[in-house]
PDB file of all heavy atoms in Angstrom:
ATOM      1  N   GLU A   1      -3.082  10.218 -13.086  1.00  0.00           N
ATOM      2  CA  GLU A   1      -3.079   8.802 -13.434  1.00  0.00           C
ATOM      3  C   GLU A   1      -1.842   8.574 -14.292  1.00  0.00           C
ATOM      4  O   GLU A   1      -1.801   8.940 -15.458  1.00  0.00           O
ATOM      5  CB  GLU A   1      -4.348   8.411 -14.191  1.00  0.00           C
ATOM      6  CG  GLU A   1      -5.601   8.438 -13.339  1.00  0.00           C
ATOM      7  CD  GLU A   1      -6.821   7.895 -14.058  1.00  0.00           C
ATOM      8  OE1 GLU A   1      -6.773   7.812 -15.315  1.00  0.00           O
ATOM      9  OE2 GLU A   1      -7.806   7.552 -13.391  1.00  0.00           O
ATOM     10  N   ARG A   2      -0.835   8.000 -13.687  1.00  0.00           N
ATOM     11  CA  ARG A   2       0.461   7.846 -14.342  1.00  0.00           C
ATOM     12  C   ARG A   2       0.446   6.629 -15.268  1.00  0.00           C
ATOM     13  O   ARG A   2       0.290   5.498 -14.821  1.00  0.00           O
ATOM     14  CB  ARG A   2       1.543   7.687 -13.285  1.00  0.00           C
ATOM     15  CG  ARG A   2       2.963   7.616 -13.812  1.00  0.00           C
ATOM     16  CD  ARG A   2       3.475   8.986 -14.148  1.00  0.00           C
ATOM     17  NE  ARG A   2       4.891   8.953 -14.511  1.00  0.00           N
ATOM     18  CZ  ARG A   2       5.571  10.013 -14.921  1.00  0.00           C
ATOM     19  NH1 ARG A   2       4.966  11.186 -15.009  1.00  0.00           N
ATOM     20  NH2 ARG A   2       6.836   9.926 -15.230  1.00  0.00           N
ATOM     21  N   LYS A   3       0.578   6.868 -16.579  1.00  0.00           N
ATOM     22  CA  LYS A   3       0.588   5.779 -17.555  1.00  0.00           C
ATOM     23  C   LYS A   3       1.931   5.051 -17.478  1.00  0.00           C
ATOM     24  O   LYS A   3       2.964   5.603 -17.825  1.00  0.00           O
ATOM     25  CB  LYS A   3       0.359   6.305 -18.971  1.00  0.00           C
ATOM     26  CG  LYS A   3      -1.068   6.659 -19.291  1.00  0.00           C
ATOM     27  CD  LYS A   3      -1.310   6.786 -20.787  1.00  0.00           C
ATOM     28  CE  LYS A   3      -0.375   7.806 -21.421  1.00  0.00           C
ATOM     29  NZ  LYS A   3      -0.662   7.951 -22.884  1.00  0.00           N
ATOM     30  N   THR A   4       1.866   3.822 -17.020  1.00  0.00           N
ATOM     31  CA  THR A   4       3.076   3.046 -16.795  1.00  0.00           C
ATOM     32  C   THR A   4       3.151   1.875 -17.755  1.00  0.00           C
ATOM     33  O   THR A   4       2.197   1.087 -17.860  1.00  0.00           O
ATOM     34  CB  THR A   4       3.122   2.532 -15.343  1.00  0.00           C
ATOM     35  OG1 THR A   4       3.123   3.651 -14.457  1.00  0.00           O
ATOM     36  CG2 THR A   4       4.347   1.687 -15.091  1.00  0.00           C
ATOM     37  N   LEU A   5       4.269   1.759 -18.455  1.00  0.00           N
ATOM     38  CA  LEU A   5       4.487   0.643 -19.362  1.00  0.00           C
ATOM     39  C   LEU A   5       5.350  -0.393 -18.652  1.00  0.00           C
ATOM     40  O   LEU A   5       6.511  -0.133 -18.330  1.00  0.00           O
ATOM     41  CB  LEU A   5       5.165   1.110 -20.647  1.00  0.00           C
ATOM     42  CG  LEU A   5       5.351   0.036 -21.727  1.00  0.00           C
ATOM     43  CD1 LEU A   5       4.006  -0.566 -22.138  1.00  0.00           C
ATOM     44  CD2 LEU A   5       6.073   0.595 -22.940  1.00  0.00           C
ATOM     45  N   LEU A   6       4.773  -1.534 -18.394  1.00  0.00           N
ATOM     46  CA  LEU A   6       5.453  -2.648 -17.751  1.00  0.00           C
ATOM     47  C   LEU A   6       5.997  -3.566 -18.836  1.00  0.00           C
ATOM     48  O   LEU A   6       5.246  -4.028 -19.708  1.00  0.00           O
ATOM     49  CB  LEU A   6       4.460  -3.382 -16.852  1.00  0.00           C
ATOM     50  CG  LEU A   6       4.898  -4.688 -16.206  1.00  0.00           C
ATOM     51  CD1 LEU A   6       6.102  -4.473 -15.308  1.00  0.00           C
ATOM     52  CD2 LEU A   6       3.739  -5.287 -15.418  1.00  0.00           C
ATOM     53  N   VAL A   7       7.303  -3.839 -18.802  1.00  0.00           N
ATOM     54  CA  VAL A   7       7.947  -4.622 -19.852  1.00  0.00           C
ATOM     55  C   VAL A   7       8.767  -5.744 -19.233  1.00  0.00           C
ATOM     56  O   VAL A   7       9.574  -5.507 -18.331  1.00  0.00           O
ATOM     57  CB  VAL A   7       8.870  -3.749 -20.729  1.00  0.00           C
ATOM     58  CG1 VAL A   7       9.455  -4.572 -21.879  1.00  0.00           C
ATOM     59  CG2 VAL A   7       8.125  -2.549 -21.278  1.00  0.00           C
ATOM     60  N   MET A   8       8.568  -6.956 -19.714  1.00  0.00           N
ATOM     61  CA  MET A   8       9.407  -8.088 -19.346  1.00  0.00           C
ATOM     62  C   MET A   8      10.514  -8.230 -20.383  1.00  0.00           C
ATOM     63  O   MET A   8      10.229  -8.272 -21.588  1.00  0.00           O
ATOM     64  CB  MET A   8       8.586  -9.377 -19.302  1.00  0.00           C
ATOM     65  CG  MET A   8       7.517  -9.428 -18.230  1.00  0.00           C
ATOM     66  SD  MET A   8       6.374 -10.831 -18.478  1.00  0.00           S
ATOM     67  CE  MET A   8       7.502 -12.225 -18.615  1.00  0.00           C
ATOM     68  N   VAL A   9      11.759  -8.282 -19.924  1.00  0.00           N
ATOM     69  CA  VAL A   9      12.868  -8.495 -20.858  1.00  0.00           C
ATOM     70  C   VAL A   9      13.720  -9.667 -20.393  1.00  0.00           C
ATOM     71  O   VAL A   9      13.838  -9.942 -19.194  1.00  0.00           O
ATOM     72  CB  VAL A   9      13.749  -7.232 -21.021  1.00  0.00           C
ATOM     73  CG1 VAL A   9      12.912  -6.044 -21.465  1.00  0.00           C
ATOM     74  CG2 VAL A   9      14.513  -6.912 -19.749  1.00  0.00           C
ATOM     75  N   GLU A  10      14.300 -10.354 -21.372  1.00  0.00           N
ATOM     76  CA  GLU A  10      15.224 -11.446 -21.119  1.00  0.00           C
ATOM     77  C   GLU A  10      16.543 -11.147 -21.823  1.00  0.00           C
ATOM     78  O   GLU A  10      16.647 -10.152 -22.552  1.00  0.00           O
ATOM     79  CB  GLU A  10      14.632 -12.772 -21.600  1.00  0.00           C
ATOM     80  CG  GLU A  10      13.340 -13.153 -20.882  1.00  0.00           C
ATOM     81  CD  GLU A  10      12.700 -14.420 -21.428  1.00  0.00           C
ATOM     82  OE1 GLU A  10      12.765 -14.649 -22.657  1.00  0.00           O
ATOM     83  OE2 GLU A  10      12.134 -15.179 -20.617  1.00  0.00           O
ATOM     84  N   PHE A  11      17.525 -11.983 -21.609  1.00  0.00           N
ATOM     85  CA  PHE A  11      18.846 -11.765 -22.188  1.00  0.00           C
ATOM     86  C   PHE A  11      19.204 -12.918 -23.121  1.00  0.00           C
ATOM     87  O   PHE A  11      18.545 -13.960 -23.122  1.00  0.00           O
ATOM     88  CB  PHE A  11      19.883 -11.639 -21.068  1.00  0.00           C
ATOM     89  CG  PHE A  11      19.543 -10.603 -20.044  1.00  0.00           C
ATOM     90  CD1 PHE A  11      19.001 -10.963 -18.817  1.00  0.00           C
ATOM     91  CD2 PHE A  11      19.738  -9.252 -20.308  1.00  0.00           C
ATOM     92  CE1 PHE A  11      18.666 -10.005 -17.870  1.00  0.00           C
ATOM     93  CE2 PHE A  11      19.405  -8.289 -19.373  1.00  0.00           C
ATOM     94  CZ  PHE A  11      18.864  -8.663 -18.148  1.00  0.00           C
ATOM     95  N   SER A  12      20.238 -12.720 -23.900  1.00  0.00           N
ATOM     96  CA  SER A  12      20.633 -13.762 -24.848  1.00  0.00           C
ATOM     97  C   SER A  12      21.048 -15.046 -24.140  1.00  0.00           C
ATOM     98  O   SER A  12      20.972 -16.125 -24.725  1.00  0.00           O
ATOM     99  CB  SER A  12      21.778 -13.268 -25.737  1.00  0.00           C
ATOM    100  OG  SER A  12      22.916 -12.922 -24.947  1.00  0.00           O
ATOM    101  N   ASP A  13      21.453 -14.927 -22.874  1.00  0.00           N
ATOM    102  CA  ASP A  13      21.908 -16.093 -22.130  1.00  0.00           C
ATOM    103  C   ASP A  13      21.125 -16.344 -20.842  1.00  0.00           C
ATOM    104  O   ASP A  13      21.535 -17.137 -20.001  1.00  0.00           O
ATOM    105  CB  ASP A  13      23.399 -15.962 -21.795  1.00  0.00           C
ATOM    106  CG  ASP A  13      23.698 -14.753 -20.916  1.00  0.00           C
ATOM    107  OD1 ASP A  13      22.820 -13.868 -20.802  1.00  0.00           O
ATOM    108  OD2 ASP A  13      24.794 -14.694 -20.337  1.00  0.00           O
ATOM    109  N   ALA A  14      19.984 -15.669 -20.651  1.00  0.00           N
ATOM    110  CA  ALA A  14      19.207 -15.848 -19.422  1.00  0.00           C
ATOM    111  C   ALA A  14      17.742 -15.529 -19.678  1.00  0.00           C
ATOM    112  O   ALA A  14      17.417 -14.468 -20.219  1.00  0.00           O
ATOM    113  CB  ALA A  14      19.746 -14.968 -18.303  1.00  0.00           C
ATOM    114  N   SER A  15      16.875 -16.450 -19.268  1.00  0.00           N
ATOM    115  CA  SER A  15      15.433 -16.276 -19.448  1.00  0.00           C
ATOM    116  C   SER A  15      14.724 -16.455 -18.113  1.00  0.00           C
ATOM    117  O   SER A  15      15.292 -16.982 -17.149  1.00  0.00           O
ATOM    118  CB  SER A  15      14.896 -17.309 -20.461  1.00  0.00           C
ATOM    119  OG  SER A  15      15.542 -17.196 -21.705  1.00  0.00           O
ATOM    120  N   PHE A  16      13.464 -16.029 -18.051  1.00  0.00           N
ATOM    121  CA  PHE A  16      12.656 -16.262 -16.856  1.00  0.00           C
ATOM    122  C   PHE A  16      12.480 -17.767 -16.652  1.00  0.00           C
ATOM    123  O   PHE A  16      12.344 -18.524 -17.622  1.00  0.00           O
ATOM    124  CB  PHE A  16      11.281 -15.610 -17.004  1.00  0.00           C
ATOM    125  CG  PHE A  16      11.300 -14.114 -16.955  1.00  0.00           C
ATOM    126  CD1 PHE A  16      11.155 -13.379 -18.127  1.00  0.00           C
ATOM    127  CD2 PHE A  16      11.464 -13.438 -15.760  1.00  0.00           C
ATOM    128  CE1 PHE A  16      11.165 -11.989 -18.094  1.00  0.00           C
ATOM    129  CE2 PHE A  16      11.479 -12.057 -15.714  1.00  0.00           C
ATOM    130  CZ  PHE A  16      11.333 -11.324 -16.886  1.00  0.00           C
ATOM    131  N   LEU A  17      12.477 -18.189 -15.403  1.00  0.00           N
ATOM    132  CA  LEU A  17      12.266 -19.600 -15.106  1.00  0.00           C
ATOM    133  C   LEU A  17      10.872 -20.042 -15.547  1.00  0.00           C
ATOM    134  O   LEU A  17      10.685 -21.174 -15.979  1.00  0.00           O
ATOM    135  CB  LEU A  17      12.459 -19.855 -13.612  1.00  0.00           C
ATOM    136  CG  LEU A  17      13.869 -19.588 -13.062  1.00  0.00           C
ATOM    137  CD1 LEU A  17      13.901 -19.804 -11.553  1.00  0.00           C
ATOM    138  CD2 LEU A  17      14.882 -20.479 -13.755  1.00  0.00           C
ATOM    139  N   ASP A  18       9.902 -19.144 -15.407  1.00  0.00           N
ATOM    140  CA  ASP A  18       8.528 -19.424 -15.835  1.00  0.00           C
ATOM    141  C   ASP A  18       7.924 -18.118 -16.333  1.00  0.00           C
ATOM    142  O   ASP A  18       7.266 -17.389 -15.583  1.00  0.00           O
ATOM    143  CB  ASP A  18       7.712 -19.995 -14.676  1.00  0.00           C
ATOM    144  CG  ASP A  18       6.337 -20.510 -15.111  1.00  0.00           C
ATOM    145  OD1 ASP A  18       5.871 -20.095 -16.194  1.00  0.00           O
ATOM    146  OD2 ASP A  18       5.734 -21.300 -14.346  1.00  0.00           O
ATOM    147  N   ALA A  19       8.166 -17.807 -17.606  1.00  0.00           N
ATOM    148  CA  ALA A  19       7.725 -16.532 -18.170  1.00  0.00           C
ATOM    149  C   ALA A  19       6.209 -16.387 -18.122  1.00  0.00           C
ATOM    150  O   ALA A  19       5.688 -15.285 -17.903  1.00  0.00           O
ATOM    151  CB  ALA A  19       8.222 -16.398 -19.611  1.00  0.00           C
ATOM    152  N   ASP A  20       5.484 -17.481 -18.296  1.00  0.00           N
ATOM    153  CA  ASP A  20       4.022 -17.406 -18.273  1.00  0.00           C
ATOM    154  C   ASP A  20       3.513 -16.997 -16.895  1.00  0.00           C
ATOM    155  O   ASP A  20       2.579 -16.196 -16.779  1.00  0.00           O
ATOM    156  CB  ASP A  20       3.411 -18.756 -18.675  1.00  0.00           C
ATOM    157  CG  ASP A  20       3.605 -19.076 -20.153  1.00  0.00           C
ATOM    158  OD1 ASP A  20       3.839 -18.129 -20.944  1.00  0.00           O
ATOM    159  OD2 ASP A  20       3.525 -20.266 -20.515  1.00  0.00           O
ATOM    160  N   ALA A  21       4.149 -17.524 -15.856  1.00  0.00           N
ATOM    161  CA  ALA A  21       3.734 -17.162 -14.493  1.00  0.00           C
ATOM    162  C   ALA A  21       4.044 -15.703 -14.202  1.00  0.00           C
ATOM    163  O   ALA A  21       3.238 -14.992 -13.575  1.00  0.00           O
ATOM    164  CB  ALA A  21       4.439 -18.072 -13.478  1.00  0.00           C
ATOM    165  N   VAL A  22       5.197 -15.225 -14.642  1.00  0.00           N
ATOM    166  CA  VAL A  22       5.549 -13.815 -14.448  1.00  0.00           C
ATOM    167  C   VAL A  22       4.562 -12.918 -15.191  1.00  0.00           C
ATOM    168  O   VAL A  22       4.085 -11.909 -14.657  1.00  0.00           O
ATOM    169  CB  VAL A  22       6.993 -13.544 -14.933  1.00  0.00           C
ATOM    170  CG1 VAL A  22       7.311 -12.055 -14.838  1.00  0.00           C
ATOM    171  CG2 VAL A  22       7.991 -14.345 -14.106  1.00  0.00           C
ATOM    172  N   LYS A  23       4.246 -13.296 -16.406  1.00  0.00           N
ATOM    173  CA  LYS A  23       3.329 -12.482 -17.216  1.00  0.00           C
ATOM    174  C   LYS A  23       1.929 -12.463 -16.629  1.00  0.00           C
ATOM    175  O   LYS A  23       1.211 -11.458 -16.728  1.00  0.00           O
ATOM    176  CB  LYS A  23       3.298 -13.017 -18.648  1.00  0.00           C
ATOM    177  CG  LYS A  23       2.633 -12.089 -19.643  1.00  0.00           C
ATOM    178  CD  LYS A  23       2.972 -12.465 -21.074  1.00  0.00           C
ATOM    179  CE  LYS A  23       2.464 -11.407 -22.049  1.00  0.00           C
ATOM    180  NZ  LYS A  23       2.927 -11.662 -23.437  1.00  0.00           N
ATOM    181  N   ALA A  24       1.552 -13.544 -15.982  1.00  0.00           N
ATOM    182  CA  ALA A  24       0.212 -13.614 -15.394  1.00  0.00           C
ATOM    183  C   ALA A  24       0.110 -12.818 -14.102  1.00  0.00           C
ATOM    184  O   ALA A  24      -0.936 -12.217 -13.817  1.00  0.00           O
ATOM    185  CB  ALA A  24      -0.164 -15.076 -15.144  1.00  0.00           C
ATOM    186  N   SER A  25       1.184 -12.795 -13.296  1.00  0.00           N
ATOM    187  CA  SER A  25       1.091 -12.192 -11.967  1.00  0.00           C
ATOM    188  C   SER A  25       1.541 -10.739 -11.903  1.00  0.00           C
ATOM    189  O   SER A  25       1.029  -9.967 -11.086  1.00  0.00           O
ATOM    190  CB  SER A  25       1.933 -12.999 -10.974  1.00  0.00           C
ATOM    191  OG  SER A  25       3.311 -12.933 -11.298  1.00  0.00           O
ATOM    192  N   THR A  26       2.504 -10.349 -12.726  1.00  0.00           N
ATOM    193  CA  THR A  26       3.122  -9.037 -12.566  1.00  0.00           C
ATOM    194  C   THR A  26       2.172  -7.869 -12.834  1.00  0.00           C
ATOM    195  O   THR A  26       2.191  -6.881 -12.073  1.00  0.00           O
ATOM    196  CB  THR A  26       4.379  -8.922 -13.448  1.00  0.00           C
ATOM    197  OG1 THR A  26       5.259 -10.004 -13.121  1.00  0.00           O
ATOM    198  CG2 THR A  26       5.094  -7.608 -13.206  1.00  0.00           C
ATOM    199  N   PRO A  27       1.325  -7.904 -13.879  1.00  0.00           N
ATOM    200  CA  PRO A  27       0.403  -6.768 -14.068  1.00  0.00           C
ATOM    201  C   PRO A  27      -0.489  -6.522 -12.860  1.00  0.00           C
ATOM    202  O   PRO A  27      -0.805  -5.370 -12.540  1.00  0.00           O
ATOM    203  CB  PRO A  27      -0.412  -7.186 -15.299  1.00  0.00           C
ATOM    204  CG  PRO A  27       0.489  -8.100 -16.061  1.00  0.00           C
ATOM    205  CD  PRO A  27       1.228  -8.869 -14.997  1.00  0.00           C
ATOM    206  N   ASP A  28      -0.879  -7.598 -12.175  1.00  0.00           N
ATOM    207  CA  ASP A  28      -1.736  -7.426 -11.007  1.00  0.00           C
ATOM    208  C   ASP A  28      -0.983  -6.763  -9.868  1.00  0.00           C
ATOM    209  O   ASP A  28      -1.568  -6.025  -9.071  1.00  0.00           O
ATOM    210  CB  ASP A  28      -2.278  -8.784 -10.564  1.00  0.00           C
ATOM    211  CG  ASP A  28      -3.516  -8.653  -9.686  1.00  0.00           C
ATOM    212  OD1 ASP A  28      -4.350  -7.777  -9.958  1.00  0.00           O
ATOM    213  OD2 ASP A  28      -3.641  -9.433  -8.725  1.00  0.00           O
ATOM    214  N   THR A  29       0.320  -7.019  -9.773  1.00  0.00           N
ATOM    215  CA  THR A  29       1.138  -6.356  -8.753  1.00  0.00           C
ATOM    216  C   THR A  29       1.149  -4.849  -8.979  1.00  0.00           C
ATOM    217  O   THR A  29       1.145  -4.070  -8.019  1.00  0.00           O
ATOM    218  CB  THR A  29       2.585  -6.889  -8.788  1.00  0.00           C
ATOM    219  OG1 THR A  29       2.569  -8.287  -8.487  1.00  0.00           O
ATOM    220  CG2 THR A  29       3.469  -6.165  -7.775  1.00  0.00           C
ATOM    221  N   TYR A  30       1.157  -4.424 -10.231  1.00  0.00           N
ATOM    222  CA  TYR A  30       1.202  -3.006 -10.562  1.00  0.00           C
ATOM    223  C   TYR A  30      -0.193  -2.368 -10.587  1.00  0.00           C
ATOM    224  O   TYR A  30      -0.396  -1.299 -10.011  1.00  0.00           O
ATOM    225  CB  TYR A  30       1.852  -2.803 -11.925  1.00  0.00           C
ATOM    226  CG  TYR A  30       3.356  -2.919 -11.930  1.00  0.00           C
ATOM    227  CD1 TYR A  30       3.984  -4.145 -11.756  1.00  0.00           C
ATOM    228  CD2 TYR A  30       4.154  -1.802 -12.125  1.00  0.00           C
ATOM    229  CE1 TYR A  30       5.372  -4.263 -11.767  1.00  0.00           C
ATOM    230  CE2 TYR A  30       5.543  -1.899 -12.140  1.00  0.00           C
ATOM    231  CZ  TYR A  30       6.141  -3.131 -11.957  1.00  0.00           C
ATOM    232  OH  TYR A  30       7.507  -3.230 -11.978  1.00  0.00           O
ATOM    233  N   PHE A  31      -1.135  -2.995 -11.263  1.00  0.00           N
ATOM    234  CA  PHE A  31      -2.394  -2.312 -11.595  1.00  0.00           C
ATOM    235  C   PHE A  31      -3.641  -2.969 -11.027  1.00  0.00           C
ATOM    236  O   PHE A  31      -4.750  -2.480 -11.249  1.00  0.00           O
ATOM    237  CB  PHE A  31      -2.548  -2.242 -13.122  1.00  0.00           C
ATOM    238  CG  PHE A  31      -1.315  -1.786 -13.841  1.00  0.00           C
ATOM    239  CD1 PHE A  31      -0.636  -2.643 -14.704  1.00  0.00           C
ATOM    240  CD2 PHE A  31      -0.813  -0.508 -13.652  1.00  0.00           C
ATOM    241  CE1 PHE A  31       0.510  -2.235 -15.376  1.00  0.00           C
ATOM    242  CE2 PHE A  31       0.333  -0.086 -14.314  1.00  0.00           C
ATOM    243  CZ  PHE A  31       0.996  -0.951 -15.182  1.00  0.00           C
ATOM    244  N   GLY A  32      -3.501  -4.065 -10.296  1.00  0.00           N
ATOM    245  CA  GLY A  32      -4.662  -4.817  -9.853  1.00  0.00           C
ATOM    246  C   GLY A  32      -5.493  -4.100  -8.808  1.00  0.00           C
ATOM    247  O   GLY A  32      -5.080  -3.099  -8.218  1.00  0.00           O
ATOM    248  N   THR A  33      -6.657  -4.653  -8.567  1.00  0.00           N
ATOM    249  CA  THR A  33      -7.561  -4.095  -7.558  1.00  0.00           C
ATOM    250  C   THR A  33      -7.306  -4.687  -6.180  1.00  0.00           C
ATOM    251  O   THR A  33      -7.920  -4.249  -5.205  1.00  0.00           O
ATOM    252  CB  THR A  33      -9.030  -4.348  -7.948  1.00  0.00           C
ATOM    253  OG1 THR A  33      -9.241  -5.757  -8.100  1.00  0.00           O
ATOM    254  CG2 THR A  33      -9.367  -3.635  -9.244  1.00  0.00           C
ATOM    255  N   LYS A  34      -6.415  -5.670  -6.091  1.00  0.00           N
ATOM    256  CA  LYS A  34      -6.121  -6.255  -4.787  1.00  0.00           C
ATOM    257  C   LYS A  34      -5.487  -5.197  -3.884  1.00  0.00           C
ATOM    258  O   LYS A  34      -4.904  -4.217  -4.352  1.00  0.00           O
ATOM    259  CB  LYS A  34      -5.192  -7.456  -4.939  1.00  0.00           C
ATOM    260  CG  LYS A  34      -3.839  -7.130  -5.549  1.00  0.00           C
ATOM    261  CD  LYS A  34      -2.976  -8.372  -5.662  1.00  0.00           C
ATOM    262  CE  LYS A  34      -1.581  -8.031  -6.197  1.00  0.00           C
ATOM    263  NZ  LYS A  34      -0.705  -9.218  -6.236  1.00  0.00           N
ATOM    264  N   LYS A  35      -5.588  -5.420  -2.595  1.00  0.00           N
ATOM    265  CA  LYS A  35      -5.194  -4.387  -1.642  1.00  0.00           C
ATOM    266  C   LYS A  35      -3.704  -4.090  -1.659  1.00  0.00           C
ATOM    267  O   LYS A  35      -3.281  -2.997  -1.268  1.00  0.00           O
ATOM    268  CB  LYS A  35      -5.633  -4.763  -0.229  1.00  0.00           C
ATOM    269  CG  LYS A  35      -4.941  -5.993   0.342  1.00  0.00           C
ATOM    270  CD  LYS A  35      -5.435  -6.285   1.759  1.00  0.00           C
ATOM    271  CE  LYS A  35      -4.714  -7.474   2.371  1.00  0.00           C
ATOM    272  NZ  LYS A  35      -5.169  -7.733   3.753  1.00  0.00           N
ATOM    273  N   ASP A  36      -2.884  -5.052  -2.103  1.00  0.00           N
ATOM    274  CA  ASP A  36      -1.450  -4.820  -2.082  1.00  0.00           C
ATOM    275  C   ASP A  36      -0.861  -4.586  -3.474  1.00  0.00           C
ATOM    276  O   ASP A  36       0.295  -4.899  -3.730  1.00  0.00           O
ATOM    277  CB  ASP A  36      -0.714  -5.971  -1.385  1.00  0.00           C
ATOM    278  CG  ASP A  36      -0.993  -7.330  -2.007  1.00  0.00           C
ATOM    279  OD1 ASP A  36      -1.872  -7.416  -2.882  1.00  0.00           O
ATOM    280  OD2 ASP A  36      -0.330  -8.307  -1.614  1.00  0.00           O
ATOM    281  N   SER A  37      -1.666  -4.011  -4.366  1.00  0.00           N
ATOM    282  CA  SER A  37      -1.123  -3.607  -5.668  1.00  0.00           C
ATOM    283  C   SER A  37      -0.557  -2.194  -5.572  1.00  0.00           C
ATOM    284  O   SER A  37      -0.906  -1.417  -4.678  1.00  0.00           O
ATOM    285  CB  SER A  37      -2.202  -3.660  -6.750  1.00  0.00           C
ATOM    286  OG  SER A  37      -3.094  -2.567  -6.631  1.00  0.00           O
ATOM    287  N   LEU A  38       0.301  -1.860  -6.521  1.00  0.00           N
ATOM    288  CA  LEU A  38       0.885  -0.514  -6.572  1.00  0.00           C
ATOM    289  C   LEU A  38      -0.203   0.538  -6.748  1.00  0.00           C
ATOM    290  O   LEU A  38      -0.189   1.586  -6.090  1.00  0.00           O
ATOM    291  CB  LEU A  38       1.886  -0.444  -7.728  1.00  0.00           C
ATOM    292  CG  LEU A  38       2.623   0.881  -7.918  1.00  0.00           C
ATOM    293  CD1 LEU A  38       3.601   1.123  -6.782  1.00  0.00           C
ATOM    294  CD2 LEU A  38       3.364   0.878  -9.262  1.00  0.00           C
ATOM    295  N   ALA A  39      -1.167   0.269  -7.644  1.00  0.00           N
ATOM    296  CA  ALA A  39      -2.244   1.231  -7.895  1.00  0.00           C
ATOM    297  C   ALA A  39      -3.082   1.465  -6.650  1.00  0.00           C
ATOM    298  O   ALA A  39      -3.426   2.608  -6.317  1.00  0.00           O
ATOM    299  CB  ALA A  39      -3.126   0.738  -9.046  1.00  0.00           C
ATOM    300  N   SER A  40      -3.408   0.393  -5.931  1.00  0.00           N
ATOM    301  CA  SER A  40      -4.213   0.538  -4.712  1.00  0.00           C
ATOM    302  C   SER A  40      -3.449   1.281  -3.629  1.00  0.00           C
ATOM    303  O   SER A  40      -4.003   2.129  -2.927  1.00  0.00           O
ATOM    304  CB  SER A  40      -4.635  -0.841  -4.196  1.00  0.00           C
ATOM    305  OG  SER A  40      -5.494  -1.485  -5.111  1.00  0.00           O
ATOM    306  N   PHE A  41      -2.170   0.971  -3.484  1.00  0.00           N
ATOM    307  CA  PHE A  41      -1.346   1.649  -2.483  1.00  0.00           C
ATOM    308  C   PHE A  41      -1.290   3.143  -2.737  1.00  0.00           C
ATOM    309  O   PHE A  41      -1.543   3.958  -1.829  1.00  0.00           O
ATOM    310  CB  PHE A  41       0.065   1.054  -2.485  1.00  0.00           C
ATOM    311  CG  PHE A  41       1.051   1.841  -1.657  1.00  0.00           C
ATOM    312  CD1 PHE A  41       1.050   1.747  -0.275  1.00  0.00           C
ATOM    313  CD2 PHE A  41       1.958   2.693  -2.262  1.00  0.00           C
ATOM    314  CE1 PHE A  41       1.942   2.479   0.492  1.00  0.00           C
ATOM    315  CE2 PHE A  41       2.867   3.422  -1.510  1.00  0.00           C
ATOM    316  CZ  PHE A  41       2.853   3.322  -0.128  1.00  0.00           C
TER     317      PHE A  41
END
């Protein structure tokens, strides 16, 4: 079970267009129970 630290970073001159949406969706892409998550794959 590989402990993975997922980190969102921005730059002094560039930010996410919608940081809240990224923060809400990205953990599920990595660790979610949905069939197309990294953990499920």
